[in-house]
Amino acid sequence: QTMFPLADRTSPSVSPYHSSLIRYNTIGGAQWKTAGQWLEWDVYVEESGLYNIAAHFKQSLKTNDVSIRELYIDGRLPFAEASELSV
C-alpha cells in the first residue's frame, strides 16, 4: 500500500480547500509514480442513467511531462476517451 491521503493547498480548485488548515484532499503525490498503480472505489447507484464523474488531477513531478490516467467502470472502459485522461 503506497497510496495515502495528503494535503494540497496549492490551488483552491482542489476540494476541500482551506488556506491555512490541513484538509486531506489528495491521494498519492510522489508515491503515485509506478506504472500500473490504481485507485478503486465502490459506488452504489440507486438508479441507472447518465451521471457526471469528475476527477481533478495534476502532474508536478516531471517538468513538461504528461500524466495519463484511465477510467474503468465495472472493469471496462466505458468509452474510448476514458483510456487517455491526461494533464
N, C-alpha and C. Protein backbone atom coordinates (compact mmCIF):
# COMPACT_ATOMS: atom_id res chain seq x y z
N GLN A 1 0.85 -1.18 0.00
CA GLN A 1 0.00 0.00 0.00
C GLN A 1 0.89 1.23 0.00
N THR A 2 0.94 1.88 -1.15
CA THR A 2 1.80 3.05 -1.27
C THR A 2 1.02 4.35 -1.37
N MET A 3 -0.30 4.28 -1.48
CA MET A 3 -1.11 5.48 -1.58
C MET A 3 -1.67 5.85 -0.22
N PHE A 4 -1.60 7.13 0.09
CA PHE A 4 -2.19 7.61 1.33
C PHE A 4 -2.60 9.06 1.15
N PRO A 5 -3.52 9.57 1.97
CA PRO A 5 -4.02 10.93 1.79
C PRO A 5 -2.97 11.98 2.12
N LEU A 6 -3.03 13.06 1.36
CA LEU A 6 -2.13 14.20 1.55
C LEU A 6 -2.95 15.49 1.53
N ALA A 7 -2.34 16.55 1.99
CA ALA A 7 -2.98 17.87 1.95
C ALA A 7 -2.34 18.70 0.84
N ASP A 8 -3.16 19.25 -0.06
CA ASP A 8 -2.68 20.10 -1.15
C ASP A 8 -3.32 21.47 -1.00
N ARG A 9 -2.50 22.49 -0.72
CA ARG A 9 -3.01 23.86 -0.59
C ARG A 9 -2.51 24.74 -1.72
N THR A 10 -2.13 24.13 -2.85
CA THR A 10 -1.58 24.91 -3.95
C THR A 10 -2.64 25.58 -4.82
N SER A 11 -3.90 25.14 -4.71
CA SER A 11 -4.94 25.71 -5.55
C SER A 11 -6.31 25.53 -4.90
N PRO A 12 -7.14 26.57 -4.90
CA PRO A 12 -8.50 26.43 -4.37
C PRO A 12 -9.36 25.49 -5.20
N SER A 13 -8.90 25.10 -6.38
CA SER A 13 -9.68 24.17 -7.19
C SER A 13 -9.63 22.75 -6.63
N VAL A 14 -8.70 22.48 -5.70
CA VAL A 14 -8.64 21.18 -5.04
C VAL A 14 -9.55 21.25 -3.82
N SER A 15 -10.50 20.35 -3.76
CA SER A 15 -11.53 20.42 -2.73
C SER A 15 -11.46 19.20 -1.81
N PRO A 16 -11.67 19.35 -0.52
CA PRO A 16 -11.92 20.60 0.20
C PRO A 16 -10.64 21.42 0.34
N TYR A 17 -10.77 22.72 0.30
CA TYR A 17 -9.63 23.64 0.34
C TYR A 17 -9.76 24.56 1.53
N HIS A 18 -8.64 24.84 2.16
CA HIS A 18 -8.55 25.88 3.18
C HIS A 18 -7.14 26.43 3.14
N SER A 19 -7.01 27.75 3.18
CA SER A 19 -5.69 28.37 3.01
C SER A 19 -4.73 28.09 4.16
N SER A 20 -5.23 27.84 5.37
CA SER A 20 -4.31 27.63 6.49
C SER A 20 -4.52 26.30 7.23
N LEU A 21 -5.72 25.73 7.17
CA LEU A 21 -5.97 24.46 7.85
C LEU A 21 -5.61 23.29 6.94
N ILE A 22 -5.23 22.18 7.54
CA ILE A 22 -4.90 20.99 6.78
C ILE A 22 -6.19 20.26 6.41
N ARG A 23 -6.39 20.03 5.12
CA ARG A 23 -7.51 19.27 4.60
C ARG A 23 -6.93 18.15 3.74
N TYR A 24 -7.18 16.91 4.10
CA TYR A 24 -6.71 15.80 3.29
C TYR A 24 -7.58 15.72 2.05
N ASN A 25 -7.03 16.14 0.91
CA ASN A 25 -7.80 16.28 -0.31
C ASN A 25 -7.08 15.70 -1.54
N THR A 26 -6.01 14.97 -1.30
CA THR A 26 -5.18 14.46 -2.39
C THR A 26 -4.72 13.05 -2.04
N ILE A 27 -4.52 12.23 -3.05
CA ILE A 27 -4.00 10.88 -2.84
C ILE A 27 -2.78 10.69 -3.72
N GLY A 28 -1.74 10.14 -3.16
CA GLY A 28 -0.60 9.74 -3.99
C GLY A 28 0.62 10.61 -3.88
N GLY A 29 0.58 11.78 -4.52
CA GLY A 29 1.75 12.64 -4.54
C GLY A 29 2.94 11.93 -5.17
N ALA A 30 4.08 11.99 -4.52
CA ALA A 30 5.30 11.36 -5.03
C ALA A 30 5.19 9.83 -5.05
N GLN A 31 4.24 9.27 -4.28
CA GLN A 31 4.08 7.82 -4.26
C GLN A 31 3.37 7.30 -5.52
N TRP A 32 2.71 8.19 -6.25
CA TRP A 32 1.98 7.82 -7.46
C TRP A 32 2.95 7.91 -8.63
N LYS A 33 3.88 6.96 -8.73
CA LYS A 33 4.92 7.07 -9.76
C LYS A 33 5.22 5.78 -10.49
N THR A 34 4.57 4.69 -10.13
CA THR A 34 4.85 3.41 -10.75
C THR A 34 3.73 3.06 -11.72
N ALA A 35 4.08 2.69 -12.94
CA ALA A 35 3.08 2.29 -13.92
C ALA A 35 2.27 1.12 -13.38
N GLY A 36 0.97 1.16 -13.59
CA GLY A 36 0.10 0.08 -13.16
C GLY A 36 -0.58 0.32 -11.83
N GLN A 37 -0.23 1.41 -11.11
CA GLN A 37 -0.92 1.70 -9.86
C GLN A 37 -2.33 2.17 -10.16
N TRP A 38 -3.27 1.91 -9.25
CA TRP A 38 -4.64 2.37 -9.45
C TRP A 38 -5.32 2.64 -8.12
N LEU A 39 -6.39 3.41 -8.22
CA LEU A 39 -7.29 3.65 -7.10
C LEU A 39 -8.63 3.06 -7.47
N GLU A 40 -9.35 2.59 -6.49
CA GLU A 40 -10.62 1.93 -6.76
C GLU A 40 -11.65 2.34 -5.71
N TRP A 41 -12.85 2.65 -6.18
CA TRP A 41 -13.95 2.98 -5.28
C TRP A 41 -15.12 2.07 -5.59
N ASP A 42 -15.85 1.68 -4.56
CA ASP A 42 -17.13 1.01 -4.72
C ASP A 42 -18.20 2.08 -4.58
N VAL A 43 -19.04 2.21 -5.58
CA VAL A 43 -20.08 3.24 -5.59
C VAL A 43 -21.43 2.55 -5.79
N TYR A 44 -22.37 2.85 -4.91
CA TYR A 44 -23.72 2.31 -5.05
C TYR A 44 -24.57 3.32 -5.82
N VAL A 45 -25.19 2.87 -6.89
CA VAL A 45 -26.05 3.71 -7.71
C VAL A 45 -27.47 3.17 -7.62
N GLU A 46 -28.38 3.97 -7.08
CA GLU A 46 -29.76 3.52 -6.90
C GLU A 46 -30.51 3.33 -8.22
N GLU A 47 -30.18 4.15 -9.19
CA GLU A 47 -30.97 4.17 -10.42
C GLU A 47 -30.03 4.25 -11.61
N SER A 48 -30.27 3.44 -12.63
CA SER A 48 -29.44 3.51 -13.83
C SER A 48 -29.75 4.81 -14.57
N GLY A 49 -28.76 5.31 -15.29
CA GLY A 49 -28.93 6.55 -16.02
C GLY A 49 -27.58 7.17 -16.33
N LEU A 50 -27.61 8.41 -16.75
CA LEU A 50 -26.38 9.15 -17.05
C LEU A 50 -25.94 9.94 -15.83
N TYR A 51 -24.66 9.84 -15.50
CA TYR A 51 -24.11 10.55 -14.35
C TYR A 51 -22.85 11.28 -14.76
N ASN A 52 -22.57 12.39 -14.11
CA ASN A 52 -21.31 13.11 -14.32
C ASN A 52 -20.28 12.57 -13.34
N ILE A 53 -19.11 12.24 -13.83
CA ILE A 53 -18.00 11.81 -12.99
C ILE A 53 -16.89 12.83 -13.19
N ALA A 54 -16.40 13.39 -12.11
CA ALA A 54 -15.36 14.41 -12.21
C ALA A 54 -14.12 13.96 -11.46
N ALA A 55 -12.97 14.28 -12.01
CA ALA A 55 -11.70 13.99 -11.36
C ALA A 55 -10.79 15.21 -11.52
N HIS A 56 -10.04 15.49 -10.51
CA HIS A 56 -9.08 16.59 -10.55
C HIS A 56 -7.72 15.96 -10.31
N PHE A 57 -6.83 16.07 -11.27
CA PHE A 57 -5.50 15.52 -11.06
C PHE A 57 -4.47 16.42 -11.70
N LYS A 58 -3.25 16.34 -11.20
CA LYS A 58 -2.16 17.15 -11.75
C LYS A 58 -0.89 16.32 -11.76
N GLN A 59 0.05 16.77 -12.54
CA GLN A 59 1.34 16.13 -12.65
C GLN A 59 2.37 17.21 -12.39
N SER A 60 3.04 17.15 -11.26
CA SER A 60 4.03 18.19 -10.93
C SER A 60 5.39 17.60 -10.61
N LEU A 61 5.59 16.31 -10.87
CA LEU A 61 6.87 15.69 -10.56
C LEU A 61 7.87 15.80 -11.71
N LYS A 62 7.39 15.83 -12.95
CA LYS A 62 8.28 15.93 -14.12
C LYS A 62 7.90 17.16 -14.92
N THR A 63 8.84 18.06 -15.11
CA THR A 63 8.60 19.29 -15.85
C THR A 63 8.30 18.97 -17.31
N ASN A 64 7.29 19.62 -17.86
CA ASN A 64 6.88 19.46 -19.26
C ASN A 64 6.55 18.02 -19.62
N ASP A 65 6.01 17.25 -18.71
CA ASP A 65 5.62 15.87 -18.98
C ASP A 65 4.11 15.74 -18.85
N VAL A 66 3.58 14.70 -19.40
CA VAL A 66 2.14 14.45 -19.38
C VAL A 66 1.86 13.24 -18.50
N SER A 67 0.77 13.32 -17.77
CA SER A 67 0.31 12.20 -16.96
C SER A 67 -0.99 11.70 -17.56
N ILE A 68 -1.06 10.41 -17.84
CA ILE A 68 -2.27 9.85 -18.46
C ILE A 68 -2.89 8.84 -17.50
N ARG A 69 -4.19 8.93 -17.34
CA ARG A 69 -4.95 8.02 -16.49
C ARG A 69 -6.04 7.36 -17.33
N GLU A 70 -6.52 6.22 -16.85
CA GLU A 70 -7.63 5.53 -17.48
C GLU A 70 -8.77 5.42 -16.48
N LEU A 71 -9.99 5.46 -16.97
CA LEU A 71 -11.18 5.32 -16.14
C LEU A 71 -11.89 4.03 -16.53
N TYR A 72 -12.05 3.16 -15.55
CA TYR A 72 -12.78 1.91 -15.76
C TYR A 72 -14.04 1.92 -14.90
N ILE A 73 -15.12 1.44 -15.45
CA ILE A 73 -16.37 1.26 -14.71
C ILE A 73 -16.76 -0.21 -14.88
N ASP A 74 -16.92 -0.89 -13.76
CA ASP A 74 -17.22 -2.33 -13.77
C ASP A 74 -16.18 -3.10 -14.58
N GLY A 75 -14.91 -2.69 -14.47
CA GLY A 75 -13.82 -3.40 -15.13
C GLY A 75 -13.67 -3.12 -16.61
N ARG A 76 -14.44 -2.17 -17.15
CA ARG A 76 -14.39 -1.88 -18.59
C ARG A 76 -14.21 -0.38 -18.83
N LEU A 77 -13.56 -0.04 -19.95
CA LEU A 77 -13.51 1.34 -20.38
C LEU A 77 -14.89 1.70 -20.93
N PRO A 78 -15.58 2.69 -20.36
CA PRO A 78 -16.95 2.97 -20.79
C PRO A 78 -17.04 3.65 -22.17
N PHE A 79 -15.97 4.30 -22.61
CA PHE A 79 -15.92 4.96 -23.91
C PHE A 79 -14.45 5.19 -24.25
N ALA A 80 -14.15 5.41 -25.51
CA ALA A 80 -12.75 5.47 -25.98
C ALA A 80 -11.93 6.54 -25.25
N GLU A 81 -12.52 7.70 -25.02
CA GLU A 81 -11.78 8.80 -24.38
C GLU A 81 -11.36 8.47 -22.95
N ALA A 82 -12.01 7.50 -22.31
CA ALA A 82 -11.67 7.13 -20.93
C ALA A 82 -10.31 6.44 -20.84
N SER A 83 -9.73 6.08 -21.98
CA SER A 83 -8.42 5.43 -21.96
C SER A 83 -7.26 6.43 -21.95
N GLU A 84 -7.54 7.71 -22.15
CA GLU A 84 -6.48 8.71 -22.20
C GLU A 84 -6.87 10.01 -21.52
N LEU A 85 -7.18 9.95 -20.24
CA LEU A 85 -7.43 11.16 -19.46
C LEU A 85 -6.07 11.74 -19.11
N SER A 86 -5.77 12.93 -19.57
CA SER A 86 -4.41 13.46 -19.38
C SER A 86 -4.39 14.86 -18.83
N VAL A 87 -3.24 15.19 -18.26
CA VAL A 87 -2.97 16.53 -17.73
C VAL A 87 -1.93 17.15 -18.62
